[in-house]
PDB file of N, CA and C in Angstrom:
ATOM      1  N   UNK A   1     201.289 121.484  69.544  1.00  0.00           N
ATOM      2  CA  UNK A   1     200.546 120.330  70.021  1.00  0.00           C
ATOM      3  C   UNK A   1     200.444 119.307  68.907  1.00  0.00           C
ATOM      4  N   UNK A   2     200.845 118.087  69.193  1.00  0.00           N
ATOM      5  CA  UNK A   2     200.710 117.031  68.191  1.00  0.00           C
ATOM      6  C   UNK A   2     199.833 115.916  68.752  1.00  0.00           C
ATOM      7  N   UNK A   3     199.018 115.322  67.919  1.00  0.00           N
ATOM      8  CA  UNK A   3     198.125 114.265  68.401  1.00  0.00           C
ATOM      9  C   UNK A   3     198.910 113.037  68.850  1.00  0.00           C
ATOM     10  N   UNK A   4     198.357 112.338  69.811  1.00  0.00           N
ATOM     11  CA  UNK A   4     198.966 111.117  70.335  1.00  0.00           C
ATOM     12  C   UNK A   4     198.536 109.948  69.453  1.00  0.00           C
ATOM     13  N   UNK A   5     199.487 109.135  69.083  1.00  0.00           N
ATOM     14  CA  UNK A   5     199.186 107.953  68.283  1.00  0.00           C
ATOM     15  C   UNK A   5     199.024 106.757  69.207  1.00  0.00           C
ATOM     16  N   UNK A   6     197.908 106.077  69.076  1.00  0.00           N
ATOM     17  CA  UNK A   6     197.651 104.887  69.884  1.00  0.00           C
ATOM     18  C   UNK A   6     197.783 103.652  69.001  1.00  0.00           C
ATOM     19  N   UNK A   7     198.418 102.649  69.539  1.00  0.00           N
ATOM     20  CA  UNK A   7     198.586 101.394  68.816  1.00  0.00           C
ATOM     21  C   UNK A   7     197.418 100.468  69.135  1.00  0.00           C
ATOM     22  N   UNK A   8     197.079  99.616  68.209  1.00  0.00           N
ATOM     23  CA  UNK A   8     196.058  98.608  68.494  1.00  0.00           C
ATOM     24  C   UNK A   8     196.663  97.563  69.427  1.00  0.00           C
ATOM     25  N   UNK A   9     195.814  96.829  70.115  1.00  0.00           N
ATOM     26  CA  UNK A   9     196.321  95.811  71.042  1.00  0.00           C
ATOM     27  C   UNK A   9     197.130  94.745  70.309  1.00  0.00           C
ATOM     28  N   UNK A  10     196.769  94.449  69.074  1.00  0.00           N
ATOM     29  CA  UNK A  10     197.527  93.445  68.315  1.00  0.00           C
ATOM     30  C   UNK A  10     198.969  93.868  68.066  1.00  0.00           C
ATOM     31  N   UNK A  11     199.228  95.159  68.069  1.00  0.00           N
ATOM     32  CA  UNK A  11     200.590  95.652  67.862  1.00  0.00           C
ATOM     33  C   UNK A  11     201.413  95.617  69.144  1.00  0.00           C
ATOM     34  N   UNK A  12     200.742  95.505  70.279  1.00  0.00           N
ATOM     35  CA  UNK A  12     201.420  95.624  71.570  1.00  0.00           C
ATOM     36  C   UNK A  12     201.520  94.291  72.307  1.00  0.00           C
ATOM     37  N   UNK A  13     200.472  93.515  72.292  1.00  0.00           N
ATOM     38  CA  UNK A  13     200.398  92.295  73.092  1.00  0.00           C
ATOM     39  C   UNK A  13     201.235  91.175  72.474  1.00  0.00           C
ATOM     40  N   UNK A  14     202.030  90.506  73.315  1.00  0.00           N
ATOM     41  CA  UNK A  14     202.752  89.302  72.891  1.00  0.00           C
ATOM     42  C   UNK A  14     201.808  88.118  73.046  1.00  0.00           C
ATOM     43  N   UNK A  15     201.802  87.214  72.073  1.00  0.00           N
ATOM     44  CA  UNK A  15     200.858  86.099  72.092  1.00  0.00           C
ATOM     45  C   UNK A  15     201.559  84.754  71.902  1.00  0.00           C
ATOM     46  N   UNK A  16     202.331  84.337  72.896  1.00  0.00           N
ATOM     47  CA  UNK A  16     202.975  83.021  72.785  1.00  0.00           C
ATOM     48  C   UNK A  16     201.990  81.904  73.127  1.00  0.00           C
ATOM     49  N   UNK A  17     202.311  80.704  72.717  1.00  0.00           N
ATOM     50  CA  UNK A  17     201.574  79.535  73.199  1.00  0.00           C
ATOM     51  C   UNK A  17     202.175  79.158  74.548  1.00  0.00           C
ATOM     52  N   UNK A  18     201.516  78.252  75.259  1.00  0.00           N
ATOM     53  CA  UNK A  18     202.027  77.835  76.553  1.00  0.00           C
ATOM     54  C   UNK A  18     203.431  77.271  76.488  1.00  0.00           C
ATOM     55  N   UNK A  19     203.713  76.486  75.473  1.00  0.00           N
ATOM     56  CA  UNK A  19     205.046  75.890  75.363  1.00  0.00           C
ATOM     57  C   UNK A  19     206.112  76.915  74.977  1.00  0.00           C
ATOM     58  N   UNK A  20     205.715  78.028  74.382  1.00  0.00           N
ATOM     59  CA  UNK A  20     206.670  79.084  74.024  1.00  0.00           C
ATOM     60  C   UNK A  20     206.986  80.004  75.204  1.00  0.00           C
ATOM     61  N   UNK A  21     206.123  79.999  76.229  1.00  0.00           N
ATOM     62  CA  UNK A  21     206.321  80.883  77.377  1.00  0.00           C
ATOM     63  C   UNK A  21     207.341  80.253  78.326  1.00  0.00           C
ATOM     64  N   UNK A  22     208.589  80.533  78.081  1.00  0.00           N
ATOM     65  CA  UNK A  22     209.697  79.964  78.846  1.00  0.00           C
ATOM     66  C   UNK A  22     210.459  81.082  79.547  1.00  0.00           C
ATOM     67  N   UNK A  23     211.387  80.703  80.396  1.00  0.00           N
ATOM     68  CA  UNK A  23     212.251  81.688  81.044  1.00  0.00           C
ATOM     69  C   UNK A  23     212.993  82.497  79.984  1.00  0.00           C
ATOM     70  N   UNK A  24     213.477  81.817  78.968  1.00  0.00           N
ATOM     71  CA  UNK A  24     214.205  82.506  77.895  1.00  0.00           C
ATOM     72  C   UNK A  24     213.305  83.526  77.191  1.00  0.00           C
ATOM     73  N   UNK A  25     212.050  83.154  76.937  1.00  0.00           N
ATOM     74  CA  UNK A  25     211.093  84.066  76.303  1.00  0.00           C
ATOM     75  C   UNK A  25     210.914  85.313  77.162  1.00  0.00           C
ATOM     76  N   UNK A  26     210.747  85.104  78.476  1.00  0.00           N
ATOM     77  CA  UNK A  26     210.535  86.233  79.385  1.00  0.00           C
ATOM     78  C   UNK A  26     211.787  87.091  79.507  1.00  0.00           C
ATOM     79  N   UNK A  27     212.960  86.468  79.514  1.00  0.00           N
ATOM     80  CA  UNK A  27     214.198  87.248  79.558  1.00  0.00           C
ATOM     81  C   UNK A  27     214.363  88.087  78.298  1.00  0.00           C
ATOM     82  N   UNK A  28     213.964  87.549  77.170  1.00  0.00           N
ATOM     83  CA  UNK A  28     214.093  88.264  75.899  1.00  0.00           C
ATOM     84  C   UNK A  28     213.054  89.376  75.748  1.00  0.00           C
ATOM     85  N   UNK A  29     211.824  89.116  76.204  1.00  0.00           N
ATOM     86  CA  UNK A  29     210.731  90.062  75.985  1.00  0.00           C
ATOM     87  C   UNK A  29     210.341  90.850  77.229  1.00  0.00           C
ATOM     88  N   UNK A  30     210.734  90.408  78.374  1.00  0.00           N
ATOM     89  CA  UNK A  30     210.403  90.991  79.682  1.00  0.00           C
ATOM     90  C   UNK A  30     208.892  91.089  79.856  1.00  0.00           C
ATOM     91  N   UNK A  31     208.490  91.894  80.802  1.00  0.00           N
ATOM     92  CA  UNK A  31     207.069  92.130  81.040  1.00  0.00           C
ATOM     93  C   UNK A  31     206.724  93.568  80.690  1.00  0.00           C
ATOM     94  N   UNK A  32     207.361  94.112  79.690  1.00  0.00           N
ATOM     95  CA  UNK A  32     207.126  95.515  79.336  1.00  0.00           C
ATOM     96  C   UNK A  32     205.823  95.713  78.565  1.00  0.00           C
ATOM     97  N   UNK A  33     205.257  94.630  78.055  1.00  0.00           N
ATOM     98  CA  UNK A  33     203.951  94.679  77.392  1.00  0.00           C
ATOM     99  C   UNK A  33     203.129  93.493  77.887  1.00  0.00           C
ATOM    100  N   UNK A  34     201.808  93.564  77.756  1.00  0.00           N
ATOM    101  CA  UNK A  34     200.974  92.438  78.194  1.00  0.00           C
ATOM    102  C   UNK A  34     201.278  91.173  77.393  1.00  0.00           C
ATOM    103  N   UNK A  35     201.087  90.034  78.058  1.00  0.00           N
ATOM    104  CA  UNK A  35     201.292  88.732  77.422  1.00  0.00           C
ATOM    105  C   UNK A  35     199.972  87.974  77.489  1.00  0.00           C
ATOM    106  N   UNK A  36     199.492  87.523  76.348  1.00  0.00           N
ATOM    107  CA  UNK A  36     198.270  86.733  76.258  1.00  0.00           C
ATOM    108  C   UNK A  36     198.658  85.346  75.761  1.00  0.00           C
ATOM    109  N   UNK A  37     198.525  84.350  76.636  1.00  0.00           N
ATOM    110  CA  UNK A  37     198.882  82.981  76.258  1.00  0.00           C
ATOM    111  C   UNK A  37     197.721  82.398  75.457  1.00  0.00           C
ATOM    112  N   UNK A  38     197.995  82.064  74.210  1.00  0.00           N
ATOM    113  CA  UNK A  38     196.947  81.605  73.301  1.00  0.00           C
ATOM    114  C   UNK A  38     196.464  80.193  73.603  1.00  0.00           C
ATOM    115  N   UNK A  39     197.386  79.290  73.932  1.00  0.00           N
ATOM    116  CA  UNK A  39     197.028  77.908  74.258  1.00  0.00           C
ATOM    117  C   UNK A  39     197.725  77.529  75.550  1.00  0.00           C
ATOM    118  N   UNK A  40     196.956  77.020  76.515  1.00  0.00           N
ATOM    119  CA  UNK A  40     197.540  76.686  77.817  1.00  0.00           C
ATOM    120  C   UNK A  40     198.408  75.429  77.781  1.00  0.00           C
ATOM    121  N   UNK A  41     198.274  74.614  76.749  1.00  0.00           N
ATOM    122  CA  UNK A  41     199.097  73.406  76.635  1.00  0.00           C
ATOM    123  C   UNK A  41     200.571  73.777  76.689  1.00  0.00           C
ATOM    124  N   UNK A  42     201.304  73.086  77.542  1.00  0.00           N
ATOM    125  CA  UNK A  42     202.726  73.343  77.656  1.00  0.00           C
ATOM    126  C   UNK A  42     203.091  74.289  78.782  1.00  0.00           C
ATOM    127  N   UNK A  43     202.103  74.866  79.462  1.00  0.00           N
ATOM    128  CA  UNK A  43     202.397  75.765  80.580  1.00  0.00           C
ATOM    129  C   UNK A  43     202.854  75.007  81.821  1.00  0.00           C
ATOM    130  N   UNK A  44     202.457  73.755  81.920  1.00  0.00           N
ATOM    131  CA  UNK A  44     202.777  73.000  83.123  1.00  0.00           C
ATOM    132  C   UNK A  44     201.888  73.404  84.287  1.00  0.00           C
ATOM    133  N   UNK A  45     200.701  73.912  83.976  1.00  0.00           N
ATOM    134  CA  UNK A  45     199.762  74.360  85.003  1.00  0.00           C
ATOM    135  C   UNK A  45     198.412  73.693  84.772  1.00  0.00           C
ATOM    136  N   UNK A  46     197.700  73.476  85.856  1.00  0.00           N
ATOM    137  CA  UNK A  46     196.319  73.043  85.753  1.00  0.00           C
ATOM    138  C   UNK A  46     195.454  74.250  86.064  1.00  0.00           C
ATOM    139  N   UNK A  47     194.626  74.643  85.128  1.00  0.00           N
ATOM    140  CA  UNK A  47     193.784  75.817  85.299  1.00  0.00           C
ATOM    141  C   UNK A  47     192.339  75.391  85.510  1.00  0.00           C
ATOM    142  N   UNK A  48     191.587  76.159  86.305  1.00  0.00           N
ATOM    143  CA  UNK A  48     190.174  75.814  86.495  1.00  0.00           C
ATOM    144  C   UNK A  48     189.385  76.047  85.207  1.00  0.00           C
ATOM    145  N   UNK A  49     188.212  75.451  85.154  1.00  0.00           N
ATOM    146  CA  UNK A  49     187.362  75.636  83.977  1.00  0.00           C
ATOM    147  C   UNK A  49     186.886  77.089  83.916  1.00  0.00           C
ATOM    148  N   UNK A  50     186.504  77.564  82.747  1.00  0.00           N
ATOM    149  CA  UNK A  50     186.012  78.944  82.617  1.00  0.00           C
ATOM    150  C   UNK A  50     184.773  79.224  83.461  1.00  0.00           C
ATOM    151  N   UNK A  51     184.055  78.179  83.866  1.00  0.00           N
ATOM    152  CA  UNK A  51     182.856  78.383  84.685  1.00  0.00           C
ATOM    153  C   UNK A  51     183.170  78.513  86.181  1.00  0.00           C
ATOM    154  N   UNK A  52     184.436  78.395  86.574  1.00  0.00           N
ATOM    155  CA  UNK A  52     184.858  78.507  87.973  1.00  0.00           C
ATOM    156  C   UNK A  52     184.628  79.937  88.454  1.00  0.00           C
ATOM    157  N   UNK A  53     183.955  80.097  89.587  1.00  0.00           N
ATOM    158  CA  UNK A  53     183.556  81.426  90.056  1.00  0.00           C
ATOM    159  C   UNK A  53     184.122  81.751  91.435  1.00  0.00           C
ATOM    160  N   UNK A  54     183.865  82.966  91.869  1.00  0.00           N
ATOM    161  CA  UNK A  54     184.254  83.406  93.213  1.00  0.00           C
ATOM    162  C   UNK A  54     183.531  82.558  94.261  1.00  0.00           C
ATOM    163  N   UNK A  55     182.304  82.175  93.981  1.00  0.00           N
ATOM    164  CA  UNK A  55     181.574  81.299  94.916  1.00  0.00           C
ATOM    165  C   UNK A  55     182.240  79.924  95.025  1.00  0.00           C
ATOM    166  N   UNK A  56     182.826  79.447  93.935  1.00  0.00           N
ATOM    167  CA  UNK A  56     183.563  78.181  93.988  1.00  0.00           C
ATOM    168  C   UNK A  56     184.780  78.308  94.898  1.00  0.00           C
ATOM    169  N   UNK A  57     185.464  79.430  94.823  1.00  0.00           N
ATOM    170  CA  UNK A  57     186.610  79.678  95.716  1.00  0.00           C
ATOM    171  C   UNK A  57     186.134  79.624  97.159  1.00  0.00           C
ATOM    172  N   UNK A  58     185.031  80.295  97.444  1.00  0.00           N
ATOM    173  CA  UNK A  58     184.475  80.290  98.804  1.00  0.00           C
ATOM    174  C   UNK A  58     184.148  78.862  99.245  1.00  0.00           C
ATOM    175  N   UNK A  59     183.590  78.063  98.353  1.00  0.00           N
ATOM    176  CA  UNK A  59     183.245  76.676  98.674  1.00  0.00           C
ATOM    177  C   UNK A  59     184.490  75.882  99.079  1.00  0.00           C
ATOM    178  N   UNK A  60     185.575  76.023  98.332  1.00  0.00           N
ATOM    179  CA  UNK A  60     186.791  75.251  98.596  1.00  0.00           C
ATOM    180  C   UNK A  60     187.603  75.787  99.769  1.00  0.00           C
ATOM    181  N   UNK A  61     187.634  77.097  99.931  1.00  0.00           N
ATOM    182  CA  UNK A  61     188.480  77.708 100.963  1.00  0.00           C
ATOM    183  C   UNK A  61     187.732  77.872 102.276  1.00  0.00           C
ATOM    184  N   UNK A  62     186.458  78.202 102.196  1.00  0.00           N
ATOM    185  CA  UNK A  62     185.650  78.420 103.388  1.00  0.00           C
ATOM    186  C   UNK A  62     185.342  79.890 103.604  1.00  0.00           C
ATOM    187  N   UNK A  63     184.126  80.168 104.037  1.00  0.00           N
ATOM    188  CA  UNK A  63     183.657  81.543 104.237  1.00  0.00           C
ATOM    189  C   UNK A  63     184.424  82.279 105.317  1.00  0.00           C
ATOM    190  N   UNK A  64     184.934  81.536 106.302  1.00  0.00           N
ATOM    191  CA  UNK A  64     185.611  82.172 107.434  1.00  0.00           C
ATOM    192  C   UNK A  64     187.085  82.466 107.194  1.00  0.00           C
ATOM    193  N   UNK A  65     187.612  82.085 106.047  1.00  0.00           N
ATOM    194  CA  UNK A  65     189.023  82.357 105.729  1.00  0.00           C
ATOM    195  C   UNK A  65     189.249  83.865 105.674  1.00  0.00           C
ATOM    196  N   UNK A  66     190.230  84.338 106.443  1.00  0.00           N
ATOM    197  CA  UNK A  66     190.563  85.764 106.428  1.00  0.00           C
ATOM    198  C   UNK A  66     191.489  86.049 105.251  1.00  0.00           C
ATOM    199  N   UNK A  67     191.126  87.048 104.443  1.00  0.00           N
ATOM    200  CA  UNK A  67     191.900  87.380 103.246  1.00  0.00           C
ATOM    201  C   UNK A  67     192.336  88.840 103.279  1.00  0.00           C
ATOM    202  N   UNK A  68     193.383  89.143 102.523  1.00  0.00           N
ATOM    203  CA  UNK A  68     193.848  90.518 102.360  1.00  0.00           C
ATOM    204  C   UNK A  68     193.095  91.156 101.209  1.00  0.00           C
ATOM    205  N   UNK A  69     192.509  92.301 101.475  1.00  0.00           N
ATOM    206  CA  UNK A  69     191.724  93.035 100.486  1.00  0.00           C
ATOM    207  C   UNK A  69     192.275  94.449 100.407  1.00  0.00           C
ATOM    208  N   UNK A  70     192.291  95.013  99.209  1.00  0.00           N
ATOM    209  CA  UNK A  70     192.742  96.394  99.035  1.00  0.00           C
ATOM    210  C   UNK A  70     191.541  97.285  98.783  1.00  0.00           C
ATOM    211  N   UNK A  71     191.422  98.341  99.578  1.00  0.00           N
ATOM    212  CA  UNK A  71     190.456  99.404  99.317  1.00  0.00           C
ATOM    213  C   UNK A  71     191.104 100.285  98.260  1.00  0.00           C
ATOM    214  N   UNK A  72     190.615 100.221  97.035  1.00  0.00           N
ATOM    215  CA  UNK A  72     191.280 100.850  95.897  1.00  0.00           C
ATOM    216  C   UNK A  72     191.370 102.366  96.042  1.00  0.00           C
ATOM    217  N   UNK A  73     190.323 103.009  96.491  1.00  0.00           N
ATOM    218  CA  UNK A  73     190.331 104.473  96.609  1.00  0.00           C
ATOM    219  C   UNK A  73     191.356 104.926  97.635  1.00  0.00           C
ATOM    220  N   UNK A  74     191.391 104.265  98.782  1.00  0.00           N
ATOM    221  CA  UNK A  74     192.332 104.645  99.841  1.00  0.00           C
ATOM    222  C   UNK A  74     193.719 104.055  99.621  1.00  0.00           C
ATOM    223  N   UNK A  75     193.830 103.057  98.722  1.00  0.00           N
ATOM    224  CA  UNK A  75     195.074 102.311  98.525  1.00  0.00           C
ATOM    225  C   UNK A  75     195.565 101.755  99.858  1.00  0.00           C
ATOM    226  N   UNK A  76     194.610 101.200 100.603  1.00  0.00           N
ATOM    227  CA  UNK A  76     194.911 100.660 101.921  1.00  0.00           C
ATOM    228  C   UNK A  76     194.537  99.181 101.966  1.00  0.00           C
ATOM    229  N   UNK A  77     195.361  98.415 102.661  1.00  0.00           N
ATOM    230  CA  UNK A  77     195.140  96.993 102.837  1.00  0.00           C
ATOM    231  C   UNK A  77     194.260  96.783 104.055  1.00  0.00           C
ATOM    232  N   UNK A  78     193.322  95.856 103.961  1.00  0.00           N
ATOM    233  CA  UNK A  78     192.512  95.511 105.119  1.00  0.00           C
ATOM    234  C   UNK A  78     192.239  94.012 105.092  1.00  0.00           C
ATOM    235  N   UNK A  79     191.780  93.490 106.201  1.00  0.00           N
ATOM    236  CA  UNK A  79     191.445  92.072 106.321  1.00  0.00           C
ATOM    237  C   UNK A  79     189.930  91.932 106.221  1.00  0.00           C
ATOM    238  N   UNK A  80     189.502  90.819 105.625  1.00  0.00           N
ATOM    239  CA  UNK A  80     188.075  90.576 105.471  1.00  0.00           C
ATOM    240  C   UNK A  80     187.862  89.072 105.377  1.00  0.00           C
ATOM    241  N   UNK A  81     186.755  88.599 105.885  1.00  0.00           N
ATOM    242  CA  UNK A  81     186.404  87.188 105.719  1.00  0.00           C
ATOM    243  C   UNK A  81     186.006  86.971 104.259  1.00  0.00           C
ATOM    244  N   UNK A  82     186.400  85.835 103.707  1.00  0.00           N
ATOM    245  CA  UNK A  82     186.096  85.538 102.315  1.00  0.00           C
ATOM    246  C   UNK A  82     184.595  85.590 102.052  1.00  0.00           C
ATOM    247  N   UNK A  83     183.797  85.088 102.978  1.00  0.00           N
ATOM    248  CA  UNK A  83     182.340  85.123 102.814  1.00  0.00           C
ATOM    249  C   UNK A  83     181.817  86.537 102.666  1.00  0.00           C
ATOM    250  N   UNK A  84     182.385  87.482 103.431  1.00  0.00           N
ATOM    251  CA  UNK A  84     181.975  88.887 103.319  1.00  0.00           C
ATOM    252  C   UNK A  84     182.395  89.469 101.974  1.00  0.00           C
ATOM    253  N   UNK A  85     183.580  89.078 101.497  1.00  0.00           N
ATOM    254  CA  UNK A  85     184.014  89.569 100.187  1.00  0.00           C
ATOM    255  C   UNK A  85     183.112  89.022  99.080  1.00  0.00           C
ATOM    256  N   UNK A  86     182.720  87.760  99.174  1.00  0.00           N
ATOM    257  CA  UNK A  86     181.838  87.167  98.161  1.00  0.00           C
ATOM    258  C   UNK A  86     180.499  87.906  98.138  1.00  0.00           C
ATOM    259  N   UNK A  87     179.958  88.224  99.315  1.00  0.00           N
ATOM    260  CA  UNK A  87     178.711  89.012  99.368  1.00  0.00           C
ATOM    261  C   UNK A  87     178.912  90.359  98.694  1.00  0.00           C
ATOM    262  N   UNK A  88     180.017  91.033  98.991  1.00  0.00           N
ATOM    263  CA  UNK A  88     180.336  92.315  98.352  1.00  0.00           C
ATOM    264  C   UNK A  88     180.442  92.136  96.838  1.00  0.00           C
ATOM    265  N   UNK A  89     181.155  91.116  96.400  1.00  0.00           N
ATOM    266  CA  UNK A  89     181.430  90.889  94.978  1.00  0.00           C
ATOM    267  C   UNK A  89     180.140  90.738  94.176  1.00  0.00           C
ATOM    268  N   UNK A  90     179.178  90.037  94.740  1.00  0.00           N
ATOM    269  CA  UNK A  90     177.929  89.786  94.025  1.00  0.00           C
ATOM    270  C   UNK A  90     176.833  90.807  94.335  1.00  0.00           C
ATOM    271  N   UNK A  91     177.104  91.749  95.223  1.00  0.00           N
ATOM    272  CA  UNK A  91     176.084  92.761  95.525  1.00  0.00           C
ATOM    273  C   UNK A  91     175.951  93.722  94.348  1.00  0.00           C
ATOM    274  N   UNK A  92     174.750  94.160  94.088  1.00  0.00           N
ATOM    275  CA  UNK A  92     174.523  95.072  92.970  1.00  0.00           C
ATOM    276  C   UNK A  92     174.986  96.483  93.258  1.00  0.00           C
ATOM    277  N   UNK A  93     174.988  96.847  94.523  1.00  0.00           N
ATOM    278  CA  UNK A  93     175.329  98.215  94.901  1.00  0.00           C
ATOM    279  C   UNK A  93     176.569  98.183  95.793  1.00  0.00           C
ATOM    280  N   UNK A  94     177.659  98.702  95.275  1.00  0.00           N
ATOM    281  CA  UNK A  94     178.913  98.698  96.031  1.00  0.00           C
ATOM    282  C   UNK A  94     179.300 100.125  96.384  1.00  0.00           C
ATOM    283  N   UNK A  95     179.568 100.343  97.655  1.00  0.00           N
ATOM    284  CA  UNK A  95     179.982 101.673  98.095  1.00  0.00           C
ATOM    285  C   UNK A  95     181.491 101.850  98.011  1.00  0.00           C
ATOM    286  N   UNK A  96     182.220 100.746  97.991  1.00  0.00           N
ATOM    287  CA  UNK A  96     183.680 100.787  97.911  1.00  0.00           C
ATOM    288  C   UNK A  96     184.134  99.958  96.717  1.00  0.00           C
ATOM    289  N   UNK A  97     185.356 100.235  96.263  1.00  0.00           N
ATOM    290  CA  UNK A  97     185.984  99.397  95.249  1.00  0.00           C
ATOM    291  C   UNK A  97     187.049  98.577  95.968  1.00  0.00           C
ATOM    292  N   UNK A  98     186.812  97.274  96.054  1.00  0.00           N
ATOM    293  CA  UNK A  98     187.725  96.373  96.752  1.00  0.00           C
ATOM    294  C   UNK A  98     188.368  95.428  95.748  1.00  0.00           C
ATOM    295  N   UNK A  99     189.608  95.061  96.027  1.00  0.00           N
ATOM    296  CA  UNK A  99     190.362  94.215  95.115  1.00  0.00           C
ATOM    297  C   UNK A  99     191.120  93.156  95.912  1.00  0.00           C
ATOM    298  N   UNK A 100     191.068  91.922  95.446  1.00  0.00           N
ATOM    299  CA  UNK A 100     191.876  90.840  96.013  1.00  0.00           C
ATOM    300  C   UNK A 100     192.945  90.521  94.980  1.00  0.00           C
ATOM    301  N   UNK A 101     194.186  90.783  95.324  1.00  0.00           N
ATOM    302  CA  UNK A 101     195.287  90.578  94.389  1.00  0.00           C
ATOM    303  C   UNK A 101     195.696  89.111  94.330  1.00  0.00           C
ATOM    304  N   UNK A 102     195.715  88.453  95.476  1.00  0.00           N
ATOM    305  CA  UNK A 102     196.223  87.089  95.507  1.00  0.00           C
ATOM    306  C   UNK A 102     195.543  86.301  96.618  1.00  0.00           C
ATOM    307  N   UNK A 103     195.217  85.054  96.319  1.00  0.00           N
ATOM    308  CA  UNK A 103     194.678  84.147  97.325  1.00  0.00           C
ATOM    309  C   UNK A 103     195.099  82.739  96.928  1.00  0.00           C
ATOM    310  N   UNK A 104     196.043  82.189  97.639  1.00  0.00           N
ATOM    311  CA  UNK A 104     196.560  80.853  97.346  1.00  0.00           C
ATOM    312  C   UNK A 104     195.624  79.818  97.958  1.00  0.00           C
ATOM    313  N   UNK A 105     195.131  78.899  97.134  1.00  0.00           N
ATOM    314  CA  UNK A 105     194.281  77.839  97.659  1.00  0.00           C
ATOM    315  C   UNK A 105     194.462  76.526  96.911  1.00  0.00           C
ATOM    316  N   UNK A 106     195.633  76.309  96.385  1.00  0.00           N
ATOM    317  CA  UNK A 106     195.882  75.108  95.583  1.00  0.00           C
ATOM    318  C   UNK A 106     195.865  73.818  96.399  1.00  0.00           C
ATOM    319  N   UNK A 107     196.123  73.870  97.679  1.00  0.00           N
ATOM    320  CA  UNK A 107     196.171  72.653  98.489  1.00  0.00           C
ATOM    321  C   UNK A 107     194.904  72.429  99.300  1.00  0.00           C
ATOM    322  N   UNK A 108     193.806  73.070  98.921  1.00  0.00           N
ATOM    323  CA  UNK A 108     192.571  72.916  99.692  1.00  0.00           C
ATOM    324  C   UNK A 108     191.737  71.775  99.176  1.00  0.00           C
TER     325      UNK A 108
END
């Protein structure tokens, strides 16, 4: 039996700036390790402010929007109204672990 050696995150994570994160960078480094973009400048993306919350998403998209949610324990996909997910998200006591992988709302 030999002990397992763990690397620190600084040894594993790639840390390009936004302008360095190009197709060529991804082809060279792939997604085999996590990538932490240090500066968003040069990404060509508009990102929300750090204070943007799940409630803000609900405000822009609407409570009645039906979304895809994953029940993590069952690994099953289900549909849920965004308003119901927001209530779940902010509830102190959760009986299930639910995850929203993707929700496109850029044109709202």
